[in-house]
Amino acid sequence: MNVRPAEPEDFEEIKAVARETWHDTYDELEAGLIDRTVDDWYTDDSMPLDAPGTVVLVVDRAEQRSADESAEQRSADESRTRSGDEGEIVGFTHAVAQGDTADILRMYVAPDAQGAGIGTDLHEHLIERLEMYDVDRVRSFDFAFNDTSRQFYEGLGFERTDTGEVTIEGEQYDEAVYTLEL
């Protein structure tokens, strides 16, 4: 896996990861609402790459080989490369640093790539980038009903510190705020 800064041409794949993950994760939301929200929220306008304090990172399946990698794994990688899957984005995050606080607005890993440490690796790279902005704390926001997100952030040392609401098409949804003091 390769973690790198997002580029403008990544937004279609970012949107695809967001759509797949929202449909897999948010059973509480209607499918059409998910599609409309993803179309609105996951664009180069909503995640401007050159805005001050903004960090958008992606994880792709770039080939990385180790000396002890099995022949079976190399063969699987070669098959994936021939089928065009190498370089496919499997995760992304978007955060904004302002003052002494950075807010993680989005962090998603494709459902079929979850559980392999990609989210943790992405988080570590994000924190390294955010430290350049001299922040003291990092907050993350997610639907309050998302237990997977809660477990992920608590496993990284975040604590639930607040609640809020997010409005989608006029409907209010409870939001949880997790904070990590650096």
N, C-alpha and C. Protein backbone atom coordinates (compact mmCIF):
# COMPACT_ATOMS: atom_id res chain seq x y z
N MET A 1 0.83 -1.18 0.00
CA MET A 1 0.00 0.00 0.00
C MET A 1 0.88 1.24 0.00
N ASN A 2 0.37 2.27 -0.59
CA ASN A 2 1.10 3.52 -0.73
C ASN A 2 0.19 4.67 -0.29
N VAL A 3 0.63 5.44 0.71
CA VAL A 3 -0.11 6.62 1.16
C VAL A 3 0.55 7.83 0.52
N ARG A 4 -0.27 8.66 -0.12
CA ARG A 4 0.26 9.83 -0.82
C ARG A 4 -0.76 10.96 -0.81
N PRO A 5 -0.31 12.20 -1.06
CA PRO A 5 -1.26 13.31 -1.19
C PRO A 5 -2.18 13.08 -2.38
N ALA A 6 -3.43 13.45 -2.21
CA ALA A 6 -4.40 13.32 -3.30
C ALA A 6 -4.07 14.29 -4.42
N GLU A 7 -4.45 13.91 -5.62
CA GLU A 7 -4.29 14.75 -6.80
C GLU A 7 -5.68 14.97 -7.40
N PRO A 8 -5.86 16.03 -8.18
CA PRO A 8 -7.19 16.30 -8.74
C PRO A 8 -7.82 15.12 -9.48
N GLU A 9 -7.02 14.33 -10.17
CA GLU A 9 -7.57 13.20 -10.91
C GLU A 9 -8.00 12.04 -10.02
N ASP A 10 -7.77 12.12 -8.72
CA ASP A 10 -8.16 11.06 -7.78
C ASP A 10 -9.63 11.14 -7.36
N PHE A 11 -10.31 12.24 -7.65
CA PHE A 11 -11.63 12.43 -7.05
C PHE A 11 -12.69 11.42 -7.48
N GLU A 12 -12.62 10.90 -8.67
CA GLU A 12 -13.60 9.87 -9.06
C GLU A 12 -13.41 8.62 -8.22
N GLU A 13 -12.16 8.22 -7.98
CA GLU A 13 -11.91 7.04 -7.14
C GLU A 13 -12.21 7.33 -5.68
N ILE A 14 -11.93 8.54 -5.22
CA ILE A 14 -12.30 8.92 -3.84
C ILE A 14 -13.80 8.79 -3.68
N LYS A 15 -14.54 9.32 -4.63
CA LYS A 15 -16.00 9.25 -4.58
C LYS A 15 -16.48 7.79 -4.60
N ALA A 16 -15.83 6.95 -5.38
CA ALA A 16 -16.21 5.53 -5.45
C ALA A 16 -15.98 4.84 -4.11
N VAL A 17 -14.85 5.12 -3.45
CA VAL A 17 -14.59 4.54 -2.13
C VAL A 17 -15.62 5.04 -1.13
N ALA A 18 -15.92 6.34 -1.16
CA ALA A 18 -16.92 6.90 -0.24
C ALA A 18 -18.27 6.25 -0.46
N ARG A 19 -18.70 6.13 -1.71
CA ARG A 19 -20.01 5.56 -2.01
C ARG A 19 -20.10 4.10 -1.51
N GLU A 20 -19.09 3.31 -1.85
CA GLU A 20 -19.09 1.90 -1.44
C GLU A 20 -19.09 1.78 0.08
N THR A 21 -18.30 2.60 0.74
CA THR A 21 -18.20 2.52 2.20
C THR A 21 -19.48 3.00 2.87
N TRP A 22 -20.06 4.10 2.39
CA TRP A 22 -21.32 4.58 2.96
C TRP A 22 -22.41 3.51 2.82
N HIS A 23 -22.53 2.91 1.64
CA HIS A 23 -23.57 1.88 1.45
C HIS A 23 -23.31 0.68 2.35
N ASP A 24 -22.06 0.33 2.57
CA ASP A 24 -21.72 -0.81 3.41
C ASP A 24 -21.89 -0.51 4.90
N THR A 25 -21.69 0.74 5.29
CA THR A 25 -21.63 1.10 6.71
C THR A 25 -22.92 1.67 7.27
N TYR A 26 -23.59 2.52 6.51
CA TYR A 26 -24.70 3.29 7.05
C TYR A 26 -26.05 2.71 6.66
N ASP A 27 -26.39 1.57 7.24
CA ASP A 27 -27.68 0.91 6.99
C ASP A 27 -28.85 1.80 7.38
N GLU A 28 -28.61 2.74 8.30
CA GLU A 28 -29.68 3.61 8.78
C GLU A 28 -30.14 4.62 7.73
N LEU A 29 -29.35 4.80 6.69
CA LEU A 29 -29.66 5.80 5.68
C LEU A 29 -30.18 5.14 4.41
N GLU A 30 -31.12 5.81 3.75
CA GLU A 30 -31.71 5.33 2.50
C GLU A 30 -30.66 5.41 1.38
N ALA A 31 -30.65 4.41 0.49
CA ALA A 31 -29.62 4.30 -0.56
C ALA A 31 -29.56 5.55 -1.44
N GLY A 32 -30.69 6.09 -1.84
CA GLY A 32 -30.69 7.30 -2.67
C GLY A 32 -30.10 8.49 -1.95
N LEU A 33 -30.38 8.61 -0.66
CA LEU A 33 -29.82 9.69 0.15
C LEU A 33 -28.29 9.57 0.19
N ILE A 34 -27.81 8.35 0.35
CA ILE A 34 -26.36 8.12 0.36
C ILE A 34 -25.76 8.59 -0.97
N ASP A 35 -26.33 8.16 -2.08
CA ASP A 35 -25.78 8.53 -3.38
C ASP A 35 -25.76 10.03 -3.60
N ARG A 36 -26.83 10.70 -3.24
CA ARG A 36 -26.88 12.16 -3.41
C ARG A 36 -25.87 12.85 -2.50
N THR A 37 -25.74 12.38 -1.27
CA THR A 37 -24.80 12.98 -0.33
C THR A 37 -23.36 12.79 -0.81
N VAL A 38 -23.03 11.59 -1.24
CA VAL A 38 -21.68 11.34 -1.74
C VAL A 38 -21.40 12.23 -2.95
N ASP A 39 -22.36 12.35 -3.85
CA ASP A 39 -22.17 13.21 -5.02
C ASP A 39 -21.90 14.66 -4.62
N ASP A 40 -22.52 15.13 -3.54
CA ASP A 40 -22.35 16.50 -3.08
C ASP A 40 -21.08 16.71 -2.26
N TRP A 41 -20.74 15.75 -1.41
CA TRP A 41 -19.69 15.94 -0.42
C TRP A 41 -18.29 15.54 -0.87
N TYR A 42 -18.16 14.73 -1.88
CA TYR A 42 -16.85 14.17 -2.23
C TYR A 42 -16.40 14.66 -3.61
N THR A 43 -16.07 15.93 -3.66
CA THR A 43 -15.66 16.58 -4.90
C THR A 43 -14.43 17.44 -4.63
N ASP A 44 -13.81 17.89 -5.69
CA ASP A 44 -12.67 18.78 -5.51
C ASP A 44 -13.09 20.13 -4.94
N ASP A 45 -14.38 20.49 -5.07
CA ASP A 45 -14.87 21.73 -4.45
C ASP A 45 -15.04 21.58 -2.95
N SER A 46 -15.47 20.40 -2.49
CA SER A 46 -15.70 20.18 -1.06
C SER A 46 -14.43 19.76 -0.33
N MET A 47 -13.41 19.36 -1.07
CA MET A 47 -12.11 18.99 -0.49
C MET A 47 -11.01 19.69 -1.30
N PRO A 48 -10.97 21.02 -1.25
CA PRO A 48 -9.99 21.74 -2.08
C PRO A 48 -8.55 21.42 -1.66
N LEU A 49 -7.81 20.86 -2.59
CA LEU A 49 -6.47 20.37 -2.28
C LEU A 49 -5.49 21.49 -1.94
N ASP A 50 -5.73 22.69 -2.44
CA ASP A 50 -4.78 23.77 -2.21
C ASP A 50 -5.24 24.78 -1.16
N ALA A 51 -6.31 24.47 -0.43
CA ALA A 51 -6.79 25.38 0.61
C ALA A 51 -5.83 25.35 1.81
N PRO A 52 -5.60 26.49 2.43
CA PRO A 52 -4.70 26.54 3.59
C PRO A 52 -5.15 25.57 4.69
N GLY A 53 -4.20 24.82 5.22
CA GLY A 53 -4.47 23.89 6.31
C GLY A 53 -5.14 22.60 5.91
N THR A 54 -5.38 22.39 4.63
CA THR A 54 -6.09 21.20 4.16
C THR A 54 -5.11 20.08 3.83
N VAL A 55 -5.45 18.88 4.31
CA VAL A 55 -4.68 17.68 3.99
C VAL A 55 -5.65 16.64 3.46
N VAL A 56 -5.40 16.18 2.24
CA VAL A 56 -6.18 15.09 1.66
C VAL A 56 -5.17 14.03 1.22
N LEU A 57 -5.27 12.86 1.82
CA LEU A 57 -4.37 11.75 1.50
C LEU A 57 -5.18 10.59 0.95
N VAL A 58 -4.56 9.82 0.07
CA VAL A 58 -5.18 8.60 -0.44
C VAL A 58 -4.23 7.42 -0.21
N VAL A 59 -4.81 6.24 -0.18
CA VAL A 59 -4.05 5.00 -0.11
C VAL A 59 -4.35 4.24 -1.39
N ASP A 60 -3.29 3.87 -2.10
CA ASP A 60 -3.52 3.06 -3.29
C ASP A 60 -2.77 1.75 -3.17
N ARG A 61 -3.10 0.85 -4.08
CA ARG A 61 -2.52 -0.50 -4.06
C ARG A 61 -1.20 -0.56 -4.80
N ALA A 62 -0.41 0.50 -4.74
CA ALA A 62 0.88 0.50 -5.43
C ALA A 62 1.70 -0.69 -4.98
N GLU A 63 2.38 -1.26 -5.92
CA GLU A 63 3.16 -2.47 -5.66
C GLU A 63 4.35 -2.16 -4.77
N GLN A 64 4.45 -2.92 -3.67
CA GLN A 64 5.61 -2.85 -2.80
C GLN A 64 6.04 -4.28 -2.52
N ARG A 65 7.26 -4.63 -2.82
CA ARG A 65 7.75 -6.01 -2.70
C ARG A 65 8.81 -6.08 -1.62
N SER A 66 8.76 -7.17 -0.87
CA SER A 66 9.80 -7.41 0.11
C SER A 66 10.60 -8.62 -0.33
N ALA A 67 11.80 -8.76 0.19
CA ALA A 67 12.68 -9.85 -0.20
C ALA A 67 12.10 -11.21 0.14
N ASP A 68 11.33 -11.30 1.22
CA ASP A 68 10.79 -12.59 1.65
C ASP A 68 9.35 -12.82 1.18
N GLU A 69 8.87 -12.01 0.26
CA GLU A 69 7.51 -12.16 -0.25
C GLU A 69 7.40 -13.49 -1.00
N SER A 70 6.32 -14.18 -0.77
CA SER A 70 6.14 -15.49 -1.38
C SER A 70 5.90 -15.40 -2.88
N ALA A 71 6.25 -16.46 -3.58
CA ALA A 71 6.00 -16.53 -5.02
C ALA A 71 4.51 -16.43 -5.29
N GLU A 72 3.70 -17.01 -4.41
CA GLU A 72 2.24 -16.95 -4.57
C GLU A 72 1.76 -15.50 -4.53
N GLN A 73 2.27 -14.72 -3.58
CA GLN A 73 1.88 -13.32 -3.46
C GLN A 73 2.33 -12.53 -4.68
N ARG A 74 3.57 -12.77 -5.14
CA ARG A 74 4.06 -12.07 -6.34
C ARG A 74 3.18 -12.39 -7.53
N SER A 75 2.77 -13.65 -7.66
CA SER A 75 1.90 -14.05 -8.76
C SER A 75 0.55 -13.34 -8.68
N ALA A 76 0.00 -13.25 -7.47
CA ALA A 76 -1.28 -12.56 -7.28
C ALA A 76 -1.13 -11.08 -7.63
N ASP A 77 -0.01 -10.47 -7.22
CA ASP A 77 0.24 -9.07 -7.54
C ASP A 77 0.36 -8.86 -9.04
N GLU A 78 1.05 -9.77 -9.71
CA GLU A 78 1.21 -9.65 -11.16
C GLU A 78 -0.14 -9.78 -11.86
N SER A 79 -0.99 -10.69 -11.38
CA SER A 79 -2.32 -10.83 -11.96
C SER A 79 -3.13 -9.56 -11.78
N ARG A 80 -3.03 -8.97 -10.59
CA ARG A 80 -3.75 -7.74 -10.30
C ARG A 80 -3.24 -6.62 -11.22
N THR A 81 -1.93 -6.56 -11.41
CA THR A 81 -1.36 -5.54 -12.28
C THR A 81 -1.88 -5.70 -13.69
N ARG A 82 -1.90 -6.93 -14.20
CA ARG A 82 -2.39 -7.17 -15.55
C ARG A 82 -3.85 -6.82 -15.68
N SER A 83 -4.63 -6.97 -14.60
CA SER A 83 -6.06 -6.67 -14.67
C SER A 83 -6.34 -5.19 -14.44
N GLY A 84 -5.29 -4.40 -14.18
CA GLY A 84 -5.47 -2.96 -14.05
C GLY A 84 -5.79 -2.48 -12.65
N ASP A 85 -5.67 -3.35 -11.64
CA ASP A 85 -6.03 -2.95 -10.28
C ASP A 85 -4.91 -2.22 -9.55
N GLU A 86 -3.68 -2.32 -10.03
CA GLU A 86 -2.60 -1.66 -9.33
C GLU A 86 -2.82 -0.15 -9.38
N GLY A 87 -2.64 0.52 -8.26
CA GLY A 87 -2.86 1.94 -8.19
C GLY A 87 -4.27 2.32 -7.79
N GLU A 88 -5.15 1.35 -7.70
CA GLU A 88 -6.54 1.60 -7.30
C GLU A 88 -6.56 2.19 -5.89
N ILE A 89 -7.31 3.27 -5.71
CA ILE A 89 -7.43 3.89 -4.39
C ILE A 89 -8.37 3.04 -3.53
N VAL A 90 -7.90 2.70 -2.33
CA VAL A 90 -8.68 1.87 -1.42
C VAL A 90 -9.01 2.61 -0.12
N GLY A 91 -8.52 3.83 0.03
CA GLY A 91 -8.82 4.61 1.23
C GLY A 91 -8.41 6.05 1.05
N PHE A 92 -8.99 6.91 1.87
CA PHE A 92 -8.63 8.33 1.82
C PHE A 92 -9.02 9.00 3.12
N THR A 93 -8.44 10.16 3.35
CA THR A 93 -8.80 10.99 4.48
C THR A 93 -8.70 12.46 4.07
N HIS A 94 -9.48 13.27 4.75
CA HIS A 94 -9.51 14.72 4.50
C HIS A 94 -9.57 15.40 5.86
N ALA A 95 -8.61 16.27 6.13
CA ALA A 95 -8.59 17.00 7.39
C ALA A 95 -8.24 18.46 7.12
N VAL A 96 -8.64 19.31 8.06
CA VAL A 96 -8.36 20.74 7.97
C VAL A 96 -7.82 21.20 9.32
N ALA A 97 -6.66 21.86 9.29
CA ALA A 97 -6.05 22.42 10.49
C ALA A 97 -6.35 23.91 10.54
N GLN A 98 -6.86 24.35 11.70
CA GLN A 98 -7.12 25.77 11.94
C GLN A 98 -6.74 26.06 13.38
N GLY A 99 -5.80 26.96 13.56
CA GLY A 99 -5.36 27.29 14.91
C GLY A 99 -4.69 26.08 15.54
N ASP A 100 -5.08 25.78 16.78
CA ASP A 100 -4.45 24.66 17.49
C ASP A 100 -5.21 23.34 17.34
N THR A 101 -6.22 23.31 16.46
CA THR A 101 -7.06 22.12 16.28
C THR A 101 -7.12 21.73 14.81
N ALA A 102 -7.07 20.43 14.57
CA ALA A 102 -7.30 19.90 13.23
C ALA A 102 -8.53 19.01 13.29
N ASP A 103 -9.36 19.11 12.28
CA ASP A 103 -10.58 18.31 12.21
C ASP A 103 -10.47 17.31 11.06
N ILE A 104 -10.63 16.03 11.40
CA ILE A 104 -10.71 14.99 10.38
C ILE A 104 -12.17 14.96 9.94
N LEU A 105 -12.39 15.38 8.72
CA LEU A 105 -13.75 15.47 8.20
C LEU A 105 -14.18 14.18 7.52
N ARG A 106 -13.21 13.44 6.99
CA ARG A 106 -13.51 12.20 6.27
C ARG A 106 -12.34 11.24 6.42
N MET A 107 -12.64 9.98 6.68
CA MET A 107 -11.64 8.92 6.62
C MET A 107 -12.37 7.63 6.30
N TYR A 108 -12.08 7.08 5.13
CA TYR A 108 -12.76 5.85 4.70
C TYR A 108 -11.78 4.89 4.07
N VAL A 109 -12.02 3.61 4.33
CA VAL A 109 -11.30 2.52 3.69
C VAL A 109 -12.35 1.63 3.05
N ALA A 110 -12.13 1.25 1.80
CA ALA A 110 -13.08 0.40 1.09
C ALA A 110 -13.38 -0.85 1.91
N PRO A 111 -14.62 -1.29 1.94
CA PRO A 111 -15.00 -2.44 2.77
C PRO A 111 -14.12 -3.68 2.57
N ASP A 112 -13.75 -3.99 1.34
CA ASP A 112 -12.95 -5.19 1.10
C ASP A 112 -11.49 -5.03 1.51
N ALA A 113 -11.08 -3.82 1.90
CA ALA A 113 -9.71 -3.57 2.35
C ALA A 113 -9.63 -3.30 3.85
N GLN A 114 -10.78 -3.29 4.53
CA GLN A 114 -10.79 -3.01 5.96
C GLN A 114 -10.22 -4.19 6.75
N GLY A 115 -9.64 -3.87 7.90
CA GLY A 115 -9.10 -4.89 8.79
C GLY A 115 -7.66 -5.27 8.48
N ALA A 116 -7.04 -4.60 7.51
CA ALA A 116 -5.67 -4.92 7.12
C ALA A 116 -4.68 -3.85 7.60
N GLY A 117 -5.12 -2.94 8.45
CA GLY A 117 -4.24 -1.90 8.98
C GLY A 117 -4.14 -0.66 8.10
N ILE A 118 -4.91 -0.61 7.03
CA ILE A 118 -4.85 0.54 6.12
C ILE A 118 -5.31 1.81 6.82
N GLY A 119 -6.40 1.74 7.57
CA GLY A 119 -6.90 2.92 8.28
C GLY A 119 -5.90 3.44 9.29
N THR A 120 -5.26 2.53 10.01
CA THR A 120 -4.26 2.93 11.00
C THR A 120 -3.07 3.59 10.31
N ASP A 121 -2.61 3.00 9.21
CA ASP A 121 -1.50 3.57 8.47
C ASP A 121 -1.86 4.95 7.92
N LEU A 122 -3.06 5.06 7.39
CA LEU A 122 -3.53 6.34 6.86
C LEU A 122 -3.59 7.38 7.97
N HIS A 123 -4.10 6.98 9.13
CA HIS A 123 -4.17 7.88 10.28
C HIS A 123 -2.77 8.37 10.69
N GLU A 124 -1.81 7.46 10.75
CA GLU A 124 -0.45 7.83 11.16
C GLU A 124 0.16 8.85 10.19
N HIS A 125 -0.04 8.63 8.89
CA HIS A 125 0.46 9.59 7.90
C HIS A 125 -0.26 10.94 8.04
N LEU A 126 -1.55 10.90 8.32
CA LEU A 126 -2.30 12.13 8.50
C LEU A 126 -1.79 12.92 9.70
N ILE A 127 -1.57 12.25 10.81
CA ILE A 127 -1.07 12.93 12.02
C ILE A 127 0.29 13.56 11.73
N GLU A 128 1.17 12.86 11.02
CA GLU A 128 2.47 13.43 10.65
C GLU A 128 2.29 14.74 9.88
N ARG A 129 1.38 14.74 8.93
CA ARG A 129 1.13 15.94 8.13
C ARG A 129 0.53 17.06 8.98
N LEU A 130 -0.41 16.70 9.86
CA LEU A 130 -1.06 17.71 10.68
C LEU A 130 -0.11 18.33 11.69
N GLU A 131 0.89 17.58 12.14
CA GLU A 131 1.87 18.13 13.09
C GLU A 131 2.63 19.30 12.49
N MET A 132 2.72 19.36 11.16
CA MET A 132 3.39 20.49 10.50
C MET A 132 2.65 21.80 10.74
N TYR A 133 1.36 21.68 11.11
CA TYR A 133 0.54 22.88 11.37
C TYR A 133 0.55 23.25 12.85
N ASP A 134 1.35 22.54 13.65
CA ASP A 134 1.52 22.84 15.07
C ASP A 134 0.20 22.79 15.84
N VAL A 135 -0.61 21.77 15.55
CA VAL A 135 -1.88 21.61 16.26
C VAL A 135 -1.66 20.87 17.57
N ASP A 136 -2.51 21.13 18.54
CA ASP A 136 -2.44 20.48 19.86
C ASP A 136 -3.42 19.33 19.99
N ARG A 137 -4.45 19.36 19.14
CA ARG A 137 -5.49 18.33 19.23
C ARG A 137 -6.05 18.04 17.85
N VAL A 138 -6.56 16.83 17.71
CA VAL A 138 -7.20 16.41 16.47
C VAL A 138 -8.58 15.90 16.83
N ARG A 139 -9.58 16.37 16.11
CA ARG A 139 -10.95 15.89 16.32
C ARG A 139 -11.41 15.14 15.08
N SER A 140 -12.31 14.19 15.32
CA SER A 140 -12.94 13.47 14.22
C SER A 140 -14.44 13.47 14.44
N PHE A 141 -15.18 13.51 13.35
CA PHE A 141 -16.64 13.58 13.40
C PHE A 141 -17.21 12.41 12.63
N ASP A 142 -18.23 11.78 13.19
CA ASP A 142 -18.93 10.71 12.47
C ASP A 142 -20.32 10.56 13.04
N PHE A 143 -21.16 9.85 12.30
CA PHE A 143 -22.50 9.56 12.81
C PHE A 143 -22.38 8.85 14.16
N ALA A 144 -23.20 9.24 15.11
CA ALA A 144 -23.16 8.64 16.45
C ALA A 144 -23.47 7.15 16.41
N PHE A 145 -24.23 6.70 15.42
CA PHE A 145 -24.60 5.29 15.34
C PHE A 145 -23.51 4.41 14.73
N ASN A 146 -22.38 4.98 14.32
CA ASN A 146 -21.33 4.21 13.66
C ASN A 146 -20.37 3.61 14.71
N ASP A 147 -20.70 2.41 15.17
CA ASP A 147 -19.87 1.74 16.18
C ASP A 147 -18.48 1.38 15.66
N THR A 148 -18.37 1.07 14.38
CA THR A 148 -17.06 0.73 13.81
C THR A 148 -16.13 1.93 13.90
N SER A 149 -16.63 3.10 13.58
CA SER A 149 -15.83 4.32 13.68
C SER A 149 -15.43 4.58 15.13
N ARG A 150 -16.38 4.42 16.05
CA ARG A 150 -16.09 4.62 17.47
C ARG A 150 -14.95 3.70 17.90
N GLN A 151 -15.03 2.43 17.55
CA GLN A 151 -13.99 1.47 17.94
C GLN A 151 -12.65 1.83 17.31
N PHE A 152 -12.68 2.23 16.06
CA PHE A 152 -11.45 2.61 15.37
C PHE A 152 -10.77 3.78 16.08
N TYR A 153 -11.51 4.86 16.30
CA TYR A 153 -10.90 6.04 16.91
C TYR A 153 -10.49 5.80 18.36
N GLU A 154 -11.30 5.10 19.12
CA GLU A 154 -10.91 4.80 20.50
C GLU A 154 -9.65 3.93 20.53
N GLY A 155 -9.51 3.02 19.57
CA GLY A 155 -8.32 2.19 19.47
C GLY A 155 -7.06 3.00 19.16
N LEU A 156 -7.23 4.17 18.58
CA LEU A 156 -6.11 5.05 18.27
C LEU A 156 -5.85 6.06 19.40
N GLY A 157 -6.61 5.98 20.48
CA GLY A 157 -6.40 6.87 21.62
C GLY A 157 -7.34 8.06 21.68
N PHE A 158 -8.26 8.18 20.74
CA PHE A 158 -9.24 9.27 20.78
C PHE A 158 -10.25 8.99 21.89
N GLU A 159 -10.83 10.05 22.42
CA GLU A 159 -11.92 9.94 23.39
C GLU A 159 -13.12 10.69 22.85
N ARG A 160 -14.29 10.15 23.12
CA ARG A 160 -15.51 10.85 22.71
C ARG A 160 -15.67 12.05 23.64
N THR A 161 -15.68 13.24 23.05
CA THR A 161 -15.67 14.45 23.87
C THR A 161 -16.88 15.34 23.66
N ASP A 162 -17.68 15.08 22.64
CA ASP A 162 -18.79 15.97 22.37
C ASP A 162 -19.78 15.28 21.45
N THR A 163 -20.91 15.92 21.27
CA THR A 163 -21.90 15.47 20.31
C THR A 163 -22.30 16.67 19.47
N GLY A 164 -22.94 16.40 18.39
CA GLY A 164 -23.43 17.46 17.54
C GLY A 164 -24.48 16.89 16.61
N GLU A 165 -24.79 17.64 15.60
CA GLU A 165 -25.75 17.19 14.60
C GLU A 165 -25.23 17.57 13.22
N VAL A 166 -25.53 16.71 12.27
CA VAL A 166 -25.22 17.01 10.87
C VAL A 166 -26.55 16.99 10.12
N THR A 167 -26.71 17.93 9.22
CA THR A 167 -27.95 18.03 8.44
C THR A 167 -27.69 17.54 7.03
N ILE A 168 -28.52 16.58 6.61
CA ILE A 168 -28.46 16.06 5.25
C ILE A 168 -29.87 16.14 4.69
N GLU A 169 -30.02 16.92 3.65
CA GLU A 169 -31.32 17.12 2.99
C GLU A 169 -32.43 17.44 4.00
N GLY A 170 -32.11 18.33 4.93
CA GLY A 170 -33.10 18.80 5.89
C GLY A 170 -33.31 17.91 7.11
N GLU A 171 -32.73 16.72 7.11
CA GLU A 171 -32.83 15.80 8.25
C GLU A 171 -31.63 15.97 9.17
N GLN A 172 -31.88 15.92 10.48
CA GLN A 172 -30.82 16.02 11.47
C GLN A 172 -30.39 14.60 11.89
N TYR A 173 -29.08 14.39 11.95
CA TYR A 173 -28.52 13.12 12.41
C TYR A 173 -27.53 13.41 13.52
N ASP A 174 -27.59 12.60 14.58
CA ASP A 174 -26.66 12.77 15.69
C ASP A 174 -25.25 12.45 15.23
N GLU A 175 -24.33 13.26 15.73
CA GLU A 175 -22.92 13.11 15.38
C GLU A 175 -22.11 12.96 16.66
N ALA A 176 -21.07 12.14 16.61
CA ALA A 176 -20.15 12.01 17.73
C ALA A 176 -18.85 12.72 17.37
N VAL A 177 -18.24 13.36 18.36
CA VAL A 177 -16.98 14.04 18.17
C VAL A 177 -15.95 13.32 19.04
N TYR A 178 -14.86 12.90 18.41
CA TYR A 178 -13.77 12.20 19.10
C TYR A 178 -12.56 13.12 19.06
N THR A 179 -11.81 13.17 20.17
CA THR A 179 -10.66 14.07 20.27
C THR A 179 -9.42 13.32 20.71
N LEU A 180 -8.31 13.66 20.06
CA LEU A 180 -7.00 13.13 20.44
C LEU A 180 -6.11 14.32 20.78
N GLU A 181 -5.62 14.36 22.00
CA GLU A 181 -4.68 15.40 22.40
C GLU A 181 -3.29 14.97 21.99
N LEU A 182 -2.57 15.84 21.31
CA LEU A 182 -1.22 15.50 20.84
C LEU A 182 -0.16 15.92 21.84
